[in-house]
Amino acid sequence: MNAGVTEARLSHGLRRAGRWLLPLLFVAMLLPSHAWSQDDTDPEGIQLLDFLIGSWKGEATSADGTGDGEREFRLVLDKKFIHIHNMIWFDTSASDSSNGPREDWGLMSIDNERETMVLRQFSDDGAVTRYEADSVYGQDEITILFVAQLIENDPNATWARLTITIHSPDEFSELIERGVADSVTTVRLESSWVRK
């Protein structure tokens, strides 16, 4: 499929999916044509993010130290959601007993009524964070900013922000920030990912 046809199909799908998705057109320009199906249907909804589908390896830095990670994105439930499985193995040689493997799951979906992208992240510490896409910006690199709308099992009234920067179809980075109600920010996790 040539790039002109891919961009035309994507543009049509974006118009149908809602105003909030229009900035993702820039993301599509970064993507290889194999990311879209080879039939004549237009990508819509969560399928606009098909470029994430697959396995990734990464490196992470947090208060726990540094670690290596693996992540998988896959379409589930009749291709209406993207399931995310993330594992990071932090260096266990440090004295902090919290070091070691950390795991979280996520579900990314489209809330058509509110015209936004939603990410629900389930962490191995029992917290569940519901993020909504707040903004998408950039030209050479595309940045998607998610802001937490709700954090379950969080007695400290913290807030959270997730920034995903797409560097190319095969590389992205993330910054997860959390803070307390008085706006004090603590960087929780920085990571970079490349496609396997």
N, C-alpha and C. Protein backbone atom coordinates (compact mmCIF):
# COMPACT_ATOMS: atom_id res chain seq x y z
N MET A 1 0.85 -1.17 0.00
CA MET A 1 0.00 0.00 0.00
C MET A 1 0.89 1.23 0.00
N ASN A 2 0.64 2.21 -0.88
CA ASN A 2 1.53 3.36 -0.92
C ASN A 2 1.17 4.35 0.17
N ALA A 3 2.12 5.27 0.46
CA ALA A 3 1.97 6.19 1.58
C ALA A 3 0.79 7.14 1.38
N GLY A 4 0.53 7.56 0.11
CA GLY A 4 -0.59 8.46 -0.15
C GLY A 4 -1.93 7.84 0.20
N VAL A 5 -2.10 6.57 -0.16
CA VAL A 5 -3.34 5.87 0.15
C VAL A 5 -3.47 5.69 1.66
N THR A 6 -2.35 5.35 2.33
CA THR A 6 -2.38 5.17 3.77
C THR A 6 -2.77 6.46 4.46
N GLU A 7 -2.17 7.59 4.07
CA GLU A 7 -2.50 8.87 4.69
C GLU A 7 -3.95 9.26 4.42
N ALA A 8 -4.45 9.01 3.22
CA ALA A 8 -5.84 9.34 2.90
C ALA A 8 -6.79 8.51 3.74
N ARG A 9 -6.53 7.20 3.87
CA ARG A 9 -7.39 6.33 4.68
C ARG A 9 -7.35 6.74 6.14
N LEU A 10 -6.15 7.09 6.62
CA LEU A 10 -6.01 7.49 8.00
C LEU A 10 -6.75 8.80 8.25
N SER A 11 -6.61 9.76 7.36
CA SER A 11 -7.27 11.04 7.52
C SER A 11 -8.78 10.85 7.61
N HIS A 12 -9.35 9.99 6.74
CA HIS A 12 -10.78 9.71 6.78
C HIS A 12 -11.17 9.09 8.11
N GLY A 13 -10.38 8.14 8.59
CA GLY A 13 -10.65 7.49 9.87
C GLY A 13 -10.57 8.46 11.02
N LEU A 14 -9.63 9.39 10.98
CA LEU A 14 -9.50 10.37 12.04
C LEU A 14 -10.71 11.29 12.10
N ARG A 15 -11.20 11.73 10.95
CA ARG A 15 -12.38 12.60 10.95
C ARG A 15 -13.57 11.89 11.55
N ARG A 16 -13.72 10.59 11.26
CA ARG A 16 -14.85 9.84 11.80
C ARG A 16 -14.67 9.55 13.28
N ALA A 17 -13.45 9.47 13.78
CA ALA A 17 -13.21 9.06 15.16
C ALA A 17 -13.40 10.20 16.16
N GLY A 18 -13.44 11.44 15.72
CA GLY A 18 -13.64 12.54 16.66
C GLY A 18 -12.51 13.54 16.62
N ARG A 19 -12.83 14.75 17.06
CA ARG A 19 -11.88 15.86 16.99
C ARG A 19 -10.59 15.60 17.76
N TRP A 20 -10.64 14.91 18.88
CA TRP A 20 -9.45 14.73 19.71
C TRP A 20 -8.37 13.96 19.00
N LEU A 21 -8.73 13.17 18.02
CA LEU A 21 -7.75 12.33 17.35
C LEU A 21 -6.99 13.05 16.23
N LEU A 22 -7.45 14.20 15.82
CA LEU A 22 -6.81 14.86 14.68
C LEU A 22 -5.30 15.03 14.83
N PRO A 23 -4.80 15.41 16.01
CA PRO A 23 -3.34 15.53 16.12
C PRO A 23 -2.60 14.22 15.90
N LEU A 24 -3.28 13.09 16.05
CA LEU A 24 -2.60 11.81 15.83
C LEU A 24 -2.26 11.58 14.36
N LEU A 25 -2.77 12.43 13.49
CA LEU A 25 -2.38 12.35 12.08
C LEU A 25 -0.87 12.44 11.95
N PHE A 26 -0.25 13.26 12.80
CA PHE A 26 1.21 13.38 12.77
C PHE A 26 1.86 12.04 13.11
N VAL A 27 1.27 11.31 14.04
CA VAL A 27 1.81 10.00 14.40
C VAL A 27 1.79 9.09 13.18
N ALA A 28 0.69 9.13 12.44
CA ALA A 28 0.55 8.24 11.28
C ALA A 28 1.62 8.51 10.24
N MET A 29 2.05 9.75 10.13
CA MET A 29 3.08 10.07 9.15
C MET A 29 4.42 9.44 9.50
N LEU A 30 4.58 9.08 10.78
CA LEU A 30 5.81 8.43 11.21
C LEU A 30 5.80 6.93 10.97
N LEU A 31 4.62 6.39 10.73
CA LEU A 31 4.46 4.95 10.77
C LEU A 31 4.78 4.28 9.45
N PRO A 32 5.34 3.07 9.50
CA PRO A 32 5.53 2.31 8.27
C PRO A 32 4.18 1.84 7.76
N SER A 33 4.06 1.66 6.46
CA SER A 33 2.78 1.27 5.88
C SER A 33 2.32 -0.10 6.34
N HIS A 34 3.23 -0.98 6.79
CA HIS A 34 2.81 -2.31 7.23
C HIS A 34 1.99 -2.26 8.51
N ALA A 35 1.97 -1.12 9.20
CA ALA A 35 1.21 -1.04 10.44
C ALA A 35 -0.29 -1.10 10.20
N TRP A 36 -0.73 -0.81 8.98
CA TRP A 36 -2.15 -0.82 8.68
C TRP A 36 -2.51 -2.10 7.92
N SER A 37 -3.72 -2.54 8.12
CA SER A 37 -4.15 -3.76 7.44
C SER A 37 -4.14 -3.53 5.94
N GLN A 38 -4.06 -4.61 5.21
CA GLN A 38 -3.94 -4.52 3.77
C GLN A 38 -5.29 -4.52 3.05
N ASP A 39 -6.40 -4.52 3.81
CA ASP A 39 -7.70 -4.48 3.14
C ASP A 39 -8.14 -3.03 2.96
N ASP A 40 -9.37 -2.83 2.49
CA ASP A 40 -9.82 -1.49 2.16
C ASP A 40 -10.55 -0.78 3.30
N THR A 41 -10.57 -1.34 4.49
CA THR A 41 -11.25 -0.69 5.58
C THR A 41 -10.37 0.40 6.19
N ASP A 42 -11.01 1.46 6.63
CA ASP A 42 -10.27 2.56 7.25
C ASP A 42 -9.97 2.23 8.70
N PRO A 43 -8.77 2.58 9.18
CA PRO A 43 -8.50 2.40 10.61
C PRO A 43 -9.35 3.37 11.40
N GLU A 44 -9.89 2.92 12.52
CA GLU A 44 -10.68 3.80 13.36
C GLU A 44 -10.55 3.36 14.80
N GLY A 45 -10.94 4.25 15.71
CA GLY A 45 -10.87 3.93 17.13
C GLY A 45 -9.47 3.56 17.56
N ILE A 46 -9.36 2.55 18.37
CA ILE A 46 -8.08 2.15 18.92
C ILE A 46 -7.13 1.64 17.84
N GLN A 47 -7.66 1.22 16.68
CA GLN A 47 -6.80 0.72 15.61
C GLN A 47 -5.89 1.81 15.05
N LEU A 48 -6.18 3.08 15.35
CA LEU A 48 -5.28 4.15 14.95
C LEU A 48 -3.93 4.04 15.66
N LEU A 49 -3.89 3.28 16.75
CA LEU A 49 -2.65 3.11 17.50
C LEU A 49 -2.01 1.75 17.26
N ASP A 50 -2.35 1.12 16.14
CA ASP A 50 -1.81 -0.21 15.82
C ASP A 50 -0.29 -0.26 15.80
N PHE A 51 0.36 0.88 15.58
CA PHE A 51 1.82 0.86 15.50
C PHE A 51 2.44 0.40 16.82
N LEU A 52 1.70 0.50 17.93
CA LEU A 52 2.23 0.03 19.21
C LEU A 52 2.25 -1.48 19.32
N ILE A 53 1.41 -2.16 18.54
CA ILE A 53 1.24 -3.60 18.68
C ILE A 53 2.57 -4.32 18.44
N GLY A 54 2.90 -5.21 19.37
CA GLY A 54 4.13 -5.98 19.25
C GLY A 54 4.91 -5.99 20.56
N SER A 55 6.14 -6.48 20.48
CA SER A 55 7.00 -6.62 21.66
C SER A 55 8.09 -5.56 21.64
N TRP A 56 8.41 -5.07 22.83
CA TRP A 56 9.39 -4.00 23.00
C TRP A 56 10.35 -4.37 24.12
N LYS A 57 11.56 -3.84 24.06
CA LYS A 57 12.51 -3.98 25.17
C LYS A 57 12.95 -2.58 25.57
N GLY A 58 13.27 -2.43 26.86
CA GLY A 58 13.57 -1.09 27.31
C GLY A 58 14.48 -1.04 28.51
N GLU A 59 14.81 0.20 28.87
CA GLU A 59 15.61 0.49 30.05
C GLU A 59 14.85 1.52 30.86
N ALA A 60 14.89 1.37 32.19
CA ALA A 60 14.13 2.26 33.06
C ALA A 60 15.00 2.75 34.22
N THR A 61 14.67 3.96 34.68
CA THR A 61 15.31 4.55 35.84
C THR A 61 14.22 5.09 36.75
N SER A 62 14.32 4.76 38.04
CA SER A 62 13.35 5.25 39.01
C SER A 62 14.04 5.39 40.35
N ALA A 63 13.27 5.70 41.38
CA ALA A 63 13.82 5.76 42.73
C ALA A 63 14.35 4.40 43.16
N ASP A 64 13.86 3.33 42.54
CA ASP A 64 14.33 1.98 42.84
C ASP A 64 15.66 1.65 42.18
N GLY A 65 16.15 2.52 41.32
CA GLY A 65 17.40 2.27 40.61
C GLY A 65 17.16 2.14 39.12
N THR A 66 18.01 1.36 38.47
CA THR A 66 17.88 1.16 37.03
C THR A 66 17.48 -0.29 36.76
N GLY A 67 16.85 -0.49 35.62
CA GLY A 67 16.42 -1.84 35.28
C GLY A 67 16.19 -2.02 33.80
N ASP A 68 16.01 -3.26 33.42
CA ASP A 68 15.70 -3.62 32.04
C ASP A 68 14.25 -4.08 31.99
N GLY A 69 13.60 -3.79 30.87
CA GLY A 69 12.19 -4.12 30.79
C GLY A 69 11.79 -4.79 29.50
N GLU A 70 10.62 -5.41 29.55
CA GLU A 70 9.96 -5.98 28.37
C GLU A 70 8.51 -5.54 28.41
N ARG A 71 7.96 -5.22 27.26
CA ARG A 71 6.58 -4.77 27.18
C ARG A 71 5.95 -5.35 25.93
N GLU A 72 4.67 -5.70 26.06
CA GLU A 72 3.92 -6.19 24.91
C GLU A 72 2.60 -5.44 24.82
N PHE A 73 2.28 -5.00 23.61
CA PHE A 73 0.99 -4.39 23.30
C PHE A 73 0.26 -5.36 22.38
N ARG A 74 -1.02 -5.68 22.69
CA ARG A 74 -1.78 -6.52 21.78
C ARG A 74 -3.25 -6.11 21.81
N LEU A 75 -3.90 -6.27 20.67
CA LEU A 75 -5.33 -5.99 20.57
C LEU A 75 -6.11 -7.11 21.23
N VAL A 76 -7.14 -6.76 22.01
CA VAL A 76 -7.97 -7.75 22.69
C VAL A 76 -9.44 -7.33 22.59
N LEU A 77 -10.33 -8.26 22.95
CA LEU A 77 -11.77 -8.01 23.01
C LEU A 77 -12.29 -7.40 21.72
N ASP A 78 -12.20 -8.19 20.66
CA ASP A 78 -12.69 -7.79 19.35
C ASP A 78 -12.00 -6.51 18.84
N LYS A 79 -10.73 -6.37 19.19
CA LYS A 79 -9.89 -5.25 18.74
C LYS A 79 -10.41 -3.89 19.19
N LYS A 80 -11.08 -3.87 20.34
CA LYS A 80 -11.59 -2.60 20.88
C LYS A 80 -10.66 -2.03 21.94
N PHE A 81 -9.72 -2.84 22.44
CA PHE A 81 -8.79 -2.42 23.48
C PHE A 81 -7.38 -2.85 23.11
N ILE A 82 -6.41 -2.11 23.62
CA ILE A 82 -5.02 -2.54 23.56
C ILE A 82 -4.62 -2.94 24.97
N HIS A 83 -4.21 -4.22 25.11
CA HIS A 83 -3.74 -4.73 26.40
C HIS A 83 -2.23 -4.52 26.45
N ILE A 84 -1.75 -4.02 27.57
CA ILE A 84 -0.33 -3.73 27.76
C ILE A 84 0.17 -4.58 28.93
N HIS A 85 1.23 -5.34 28.71
CA HIS A 85 1.87 -6.09 29.79
C HIS A 85 3.30 -5.59 29.90
N ASN A 86 3.65 -5.09 31.07
CA ASN A 86 4.94 -4.46 31.29
C ASN A 86 5.66 -5.13 32.45
N MET A 87 6.91 -5.51 32.24
CA MET A 87 7.76 -6.06 33.30
C MET A 87 9.09 -5.30 33.28
N ILE A 88 9.52 -4.88 34.48
CA ILE A 88 10.83 -4.24 34.61
C ILE A 88 11.56 -4.93 35.75
N TRP A 89 12.79 -5.38 35.47
CA TRP A 89 13.62 -6.02 36.46
C TRP A 89 14.67 -5.02 36.93
N PHE A 90 14.50 -4.53 38.15
CA PHE A 90 15.45 -3.58 38.71
C PHE A 90 16.62 -4.33 39.32
N ASP A 91 17.76 -3.66 39.39
CA ASP A 91 18.99 -4.24 39.93
C ASP A 91 18.74 -4.69 41.37
N THR A 92 18.94 -5.96 41.65
CA THR A 92 18.70 -6.51 42.99
C THR A 92 19.94 -6.42 43.88
N SER A 93 21.04 -5.88 43.37
CA SER A 93 22.25 -5.78 44.18
C SER A 93 22.20 -4.61 45.15
N ALA A 94 21.28 -3.67 44.93
CA ALA A 94 21.16 -2.53 45.84
C ALA A 94 20.56 -3.01 47.17
N SER A 95 20.76 -2.24 48.21
CA SER A 95 20.31 -2.66 49.54
C SER A 95 18.81 -2.54 49.73
N ASP A 96 18.13 -1.76 48.91
CA ASP A 96 16.69 -1.57 49.05
C ASP A 96 15.95 -2.86 48.69
N SER A 97 15.19 -3.38 49.63
CA SER A 97 14.51 -4.66 49.40
C SER A 97 13.36 -4.55 48.41
N SER A 98 12.96 -3.31 48.06
CA SER A 98 11.86 -3.17 47.09
C SER A 98 12.34 -3.40 45.66
N ASN A 99 13.66 -3.49 45.50
CA ASN A 99 14.17 -3.74 44.15
C ASN A 99 13.80 -5.13 43.69
N GLY A 100 13.89 -5.37 42.41
CA GLY A 100 13.50 -6.65 41.84
C GLY A 100 12.47 -6.40 40.77
N PRO A 101 11.75 -7.44 40.36
CA PRO A 101 10.80 -7.26 39.25
C PRO A 101 9.59 -6.44 39.66
N ARG A 102 9.15 -5.56 38.75
CA ARG A 102 7.92 -4.79 38.92
C ARG A 102 7.06 -5.08 37.70
N GLU A 103 5.77 -5.26 37.94
CA GLU A 103 4.86 -5.61 36.86
C GLU A 103 3.65 -4.71 36.87
N ASP A 104 3.18 -4.34 35.69
CA ASP A 104 1.89 -3.67 35.59
C ASP A 104 1.21 -4.08 34.29
N TRP A 105 -0.10 -3.98 34.31
CA TRP A 105 -0.93 -4.24 33.13
C TRP A 105 -1.65 -2.95 32.80
N GLY A 106 -2.03 -2.82 31.55
CA GLY A 106 -2.80 -1.66 31.16
C GLY A 106 -3.82 -2.02 30.11
N LEU A 107 -4.85 -1.22 30.02
CA LEU A 107 -5.84 -1.31 28.96
C LEU A 107 -6.03 0.08 28.39
N MET A 108 -5.81 0.20 27.09
CA MET A 108 -5.99 1.46 26.41
C MET A 108 -7.24 1.35 25.54
N SER A 109 -8.08 2.38 25.58
CA SER A 109 -9.33 2.34 24.81
C SER A 109 -9.72 3.75 24.41
N ILE A 110 -10.77 3.82 23.60
CA ILE A 110 -11.33 5.08 23.16
C ILE A 110 -12.67 5.28 23.85
N ASP A 111 -12.84 6.42 24.51
CA ASP A 111 -14.14 6.79 25.07
C ASP A 111 -14.80 7.68 24.02
N ASN A 112 -15.64 7.07 23.17
CA ASN A 112 -16.25 7.80 22.07
C ASN A 112 -17.18 8.91 22.53
N GLU A 113 -17.89 8.70 23.63
CA GLU A 113 -18.82 9.72 24.12
C GLU A 113 -18.09 10.99 24.53
N ARG A 114 -16.92 10.83 25.15
CA ARG A 114 -16.15 11.99 25.63
C ARG A 114 -15.04 12.38 24.66
N GLU A 115 -14.91 11.63 23.57
CA GLU A 115 -13.92 11.90 22.53
C GLU A 115 -12.51 12.01 23.10
N THR A 116 -12.11 10.96 23.80
CA THR A 116 -10.77 10.95 24.36
C THR A 116 -10.23 9.52 24.41
N MET A 117 -8.92 9.42 24.59
CA MET A 117 -8.25 8.14 24.75
C MET A 117 -8.04 7.91 26.25
N VAL A 118 -8.30 6.69 26.71
CA VAL A 118 -8.22 6.36 28.12
C VAL A 118 -7.21 5.24 28.31
N LEU A 119 -6.42 5.34 29.37
CA LEU A 119 -5.48 4.28 29.75
C LEU A 119 -5.74 3.96 31.21
N ARG A 120 -6.03 2.69 31.48
CA ARG A 120 -6.18 2.21 32.86
C ARG A 120 -4.96 1.34 33.15
N GLN A 121 -4.21 1.71 34.18
CA GLN A 121 -2.98 1.00 34.53
C GLN A 121 -3.16 0.30 35.87
N PHE A 122 -2.90 -0.99 35.91
CA PHE A 122 -3.03 -1.82 37.11
C PHE A 122 -1.64 -2.20 37.57
N SER A 123 -1.23 -1.70 38.73
CA SER A 123 0.14 -1.91 39.20
C SER A 123 0.21 -3.04 40.22
N ASP A 124 1.38 -3.67 40.32
CA ASP A 124 1.55 -4.77 41.27
C ASP A 124 1.50 -4.32 42.72
N ASP A 125 1.49 -3.00 42.98
CA ASP A 125 1.35 -2.53 44.36
C ASP A 125 -0.12 -2.30 44.74
N GLY A 126 -1.04 -2.66 43.85
CA GLY A 126 -2.47 -2.55 44.14
C GLY A 126 -3.12 -1.29 43.64
N ALA A 127 -2.35 -0.35 43.14
CA ALA A 127 -2.92 0.91 42.64
C ALA A 127 -3.49 0.71 41.24
N VAL A 128 -4.59 1.39 40.98
CA VAL A 128 -5.19 1.42 39.65
C VAL A 128 -5.31 2.89 39.27
N THR A 129 -4.66 3.27 38.18
CA THR A 129 -4.67 4.66 37.74
C THR A 129 -5.42 4.76 36.43
N ARG A 130 -6.39 5.68 36.38
CA ARG A 130 -7.15 5.94 35.15
C ARG A 130 -6.66 7.26 34.57
N TYR A 131 -5.98 7.16 33.42
CA TYR A 131 -5.47 8.33 32.73
C TYR A 131 -6.38 8.68 31.56
N GLU A 132 -6.44 9.97 31.23
CA GLU A 132 -7.08 10.41 30.00
C GLU A 132 -6.08 11.26 29.22
N ALA A 133 -6.11 11.12 27.89
CA ALA A 133 -5.23 11.92 27.05
C ALA A 133 -5.61 13.39 27.22
N ASP A 134 -4.61 14.21 27.52
CA ASP A 134 -4.83 15.63 27.74
C ASP A 134 -4.44 16.45 26.52
N SER A 135 -3.34 16.06 25.88
CA SER A 135 -2.89 16.79 24.70
C SER A 135 -1.95 15.92 23.87
N VAL A 136 -1.86 16.27 22.60
CA VAL A 136 -0.94 15.64 21.66
C VAL A 136 -0.25 16.77 20.92
N TYR A 137 1.08 16.76 20.89
CA TYR A 137 1.78 17.84 20.21
C TYR A 137 3.10 17.34 19.64
N GLY A 138 3.69 18.16 18.78
CA GLY A 138 4.98 17.85 18.20
C GLY A 138 4.90 17.64 16.70
N GLN A 139 6.07 17.67 16.07
CA GLN A 139 6.15 17.45 14.63
C GLN A 139 7.13 16.32 14.32
N ASP A 140 8.42 16.52 14.60
CA ASP A 140 9.40 15.47 14.35
C ASP A 140 9.24 14.32 15.33
N GLU A 141 8.93 14.65 16.59
CA GLU A 141 8.62 13.68 17.61
C GLU A 141 7.23 14.03 18.14
N ILE A 142 6.42 13.01 18.36
CA ILE A 142 5.05 13.24 18.81
C ILE A 142 4.97 12.92 20.30
N THR A 143 4.40 13.83 21.08
CA THR A 143 4.24 13.63 22.51
C THR A 143 2.77 13.56 22.86
N ILE A 144 2.40 12.53 23.62
CA ILE A 144 1.03 12.38 24.10
C ILE A 144 1.09 12.51 25.62
N LEU A 145 0.34 13.46 26.16
CA LEU A 145 0.31 13.70 27.59
C LEU A 145 -0.98 13.13 28.16
N PHE A 146 -0.85 12.22 29.12
CA PHE A 146 -1.99 11.65 29.83
C PHE A 146 -1.99 12.20 31.26
N VAL A 147 -3.17 12.55 31.76
CA VAL A 147 -3.31 13.04 33.13
C VAL A 147 -4.23 12.08 33.88
N ALA A 148 -3.83 11.72 35.11
CA ALA A 148 -4.63 10.80 35.91
C ALA A 148 -5.92 11.48 36.34
N GLN A 149 -7.04 10.79 36.12
CA GLN A 149 -8.34 11.27 36.56
C GLN A 149 -8.76 10.63 37.87
N LEU A 150 -8.20 9.47 38.16
CA LEU A 150 -8.54 8.73 39.37
C LEU A 150 -7.42 7.75 39.68
N ILE A 151 -7.03 7.69 40.95
CA ILE A 151 -6.06 6.69 41.40
C ILE A 151 -6.71 5.93 42.54
N GLU A 152 -7.01 4.66 42.30
CA GLU A 152 -7.61 3.82 43.34
C GLU A 152 -6.52 3.31 44.29
N ASN A 153 -6.91 3.06 45.52
CA ASN A 153 -6.01 2.53 46.55
C ASN A 153 -4.82 3.46 46.79
N ASP A 154 -5.08 4.76 46.80
CA ASP A 154 -4.03 5.75 46.99
C ASP A 154 -4.46 6.68 48.13
N PRO A 155 -4.03 6.39 49.35
CA PRO A 155 -4.48 7.20 50.49
C PRO A 155 -3.83 8.58 50.57
N ASN A 156 -2.82 8.84 49.76
CA ASN A 156 -2.07 10.09 49.88
C ASN A 156 -2.56 11.21 48.97
N ALA A 157 -3.68 11.02 48.29
CA ALA A 157 -4.24 12.05 47.40
C ALA A 157 -3.20 12.55 46.40
N THR A 158 -2.50 11.64 45.78
CA THR A 158 -1.49 12.03 44.80
C THR A 158 -2.12 12.25 43.43
N TRP A 159 -1.38 12.91 42.57
CA TRP A 159 -1.76 13.08 41.18
C TRP A 159 -0.69 12.38 40.34
N ALA A 160 -1.03 12.10 39.09
CA ALA A 160 -0.07 11.43 38.21
C ALA A 160 -0.20 11.97 36.80
N ARG A 161 0.92 11.96 36.11
CA ARG A 161 0.98 12.40 34.72
C ARG A 161 1.90 11.45 33.97
N LEU A 162 1.48 11.00 32.80
CA LEU A 162 2.25 10.10 31.94
C LEU A 162 2.51 10.81 30.62
N THR A 163 3.76 10.94 30.26
CA THR A 163 4.14 11.56 29.00
C THR A 163 4.80 10.51 28.12
N ILE A 164 4.22 10.24 26.95
CA ILE A 164 4.78 9.30 25.99
C ILE A 164 5.29 10.11 24.81
N THR A 165 6.56 9.95 24.48
CA THR A 165 7.16 10.64 23.33
C THR A 165 7.53 9.59 22.29
N ILE A 166 6.95 9.71 21.11
CA ILE A 166 7.20 8.77 20.02
C ILE A 166 8.32 9.35 19.16
N HIS A 167 9.46 8.69 19.17
CA HIS A 167 10.63 9.17 18.43
C HIS A 167 10.63 8.66 16.99
N SER A 168 10.11 7.45 16.78
CA SER A 168 10.03 6.83 15.46
C SER A 168 9.06 5.66 15.58
N PRO A 169 8.73 5.00 14.48
CA PRO A 169 7.84 3.83 14.59
C PRO A 169 8.40 2.71 15.46
N ASP A 170 9.71 2.74 15.72
CA ASP A 170 10.34 1.66 16.46
C ASP A 170 10.99 2.11 17.76
N GLU A 171 10.64 3.32 18.23
CA GLU A 171 11.26 3.82 19.46
C GLU A 171 10.36 4.86 20.12
N PHE A 172 10.14 4.70 21.42
CA PHE A 172 9.42 5.71 22.19
C PHE A 172 9.98 5.76 23.61
N SER A 173 9.66 6.83 24.32
CA SER A 173 10.09 6.96 25.71
C SER A 173 8.90 7.40 26.55
N GLU A 174 9.02 7.17 27.85
CA GLU A 174 7.95 7.53 28.78
C GLU A 174 8.53 8.23 30.00
N LEU A 175 7.72 9.10 30.56
CA LEU A 175 8.03 9.73 31.84
C LEU A 175 6.76 9.66 32.67
N ILE A 176 6.83 9.01 33.83
CA ILE A 176 5.71 8.97 34.76
C ILE A 176 6.08 9.84 35.94
N GLU A 177 5.25 10.84 36.20
CA GLU A 177 5.46 11.74 37.32
C GLU A 177 4.28 11.60 38.28
N ARG A 178 4.60 11.65 39.57
CA ARG A 178 3.56 11.65 40.60
C ARG A 178 3.91 12.74 41.59
N GLY A 179 2.88 13.24 42.23
CA GLY A 179 3.10 14.27 43.23
C GLY A 179 1.96 14.27 44.23
N VAL A 180 2.14 15.06 45.27
CA VAL A 180 1.11 15.18 46.30
C VAL A 180 0.23 16.38 45.99
N ALA A 181 -0.83 16.53 46.75
CA ALA A 181 -1.84 17.54 46.47
C ALA A 181 -1.26 18.96 46.41
N ASP A 182 -0.19 19.23 47.13
CA ASP A 182 0.37 20.59 47.11
C ASP A 182 1.31 20.79 45.92
N SER A 183 1.20 19.93 44.91
CA SER A 183 1.90 20.06 43.62
C SER A 183 3.40 19.75 43.69
N VAL A 184 3.88 19.17 44.75
CA VAL A 184 5.27 18.75 44.79
C VAL A 184 5.41 17.56 43.84
N THR A 185 6.36 17.64 42.92
CA THR A 185 6.53 16.61 41.90
C THR A 185 7.69 15.68 42.26
N THR A 186 7.45 14.41 42.13
CA THR A 186 8.49 13.41 42.27
C THR A 186 8.50 12.59 40.99
N VAL A 187 9.62 12.55 40.28
CA VAL A 187 9.70 11.73 39.08
C VAL A 187 9.72 10.29 39.51
N ARG A 188 8.79 9.51 39.03
CA ARG A 188 8.66 8.13 39.44
C ARG A 188 9.43 7.17 38.53
N LEU A 189 9.30 7.38 37.23
CA LEU A 189 9.90 6.41 36.31
C LEU A 189 10.15 7.06 34.96
N GLU A 190 11.37 6.92 34.47
CA GLU A 190 11.72 7.30 33.10
C GLU A 190 12.14 6.04 32.38
N SER A 191 11.65 5.86 31.17
CA SER A 191 12.01 4.65 30.43
C SER A 191 12.10 4.94 28.94
N SER A 192 12.90 4.14 28.24
CA SER A 192 13.00 4.23 26.79
C SER A 192 12.83 2.83 26.22
N TRP A 193 12.14 2.75 25.07
CA TRP A 193 11.73 1.45 24.50
C TRP A 193 12.05 1.39 23.02
N VAL A 194 12.51 0.21 22.60
CA VAL A 194 12.74 -0.04 21.17
C VAL A 194 12.03 -1.35 20.81
N ARG A 195 11.57 -1.42 19.59
CA ARG A 195 10.87 -2.61 19.12
C ARG A 195 11.82 -3.79 19.05
N LYS A 196 11.35 -4.98 19.48
CA LYS A 196 12.18 -6.19 19.40
C LYS A 196 12.24 -6.68 17.98
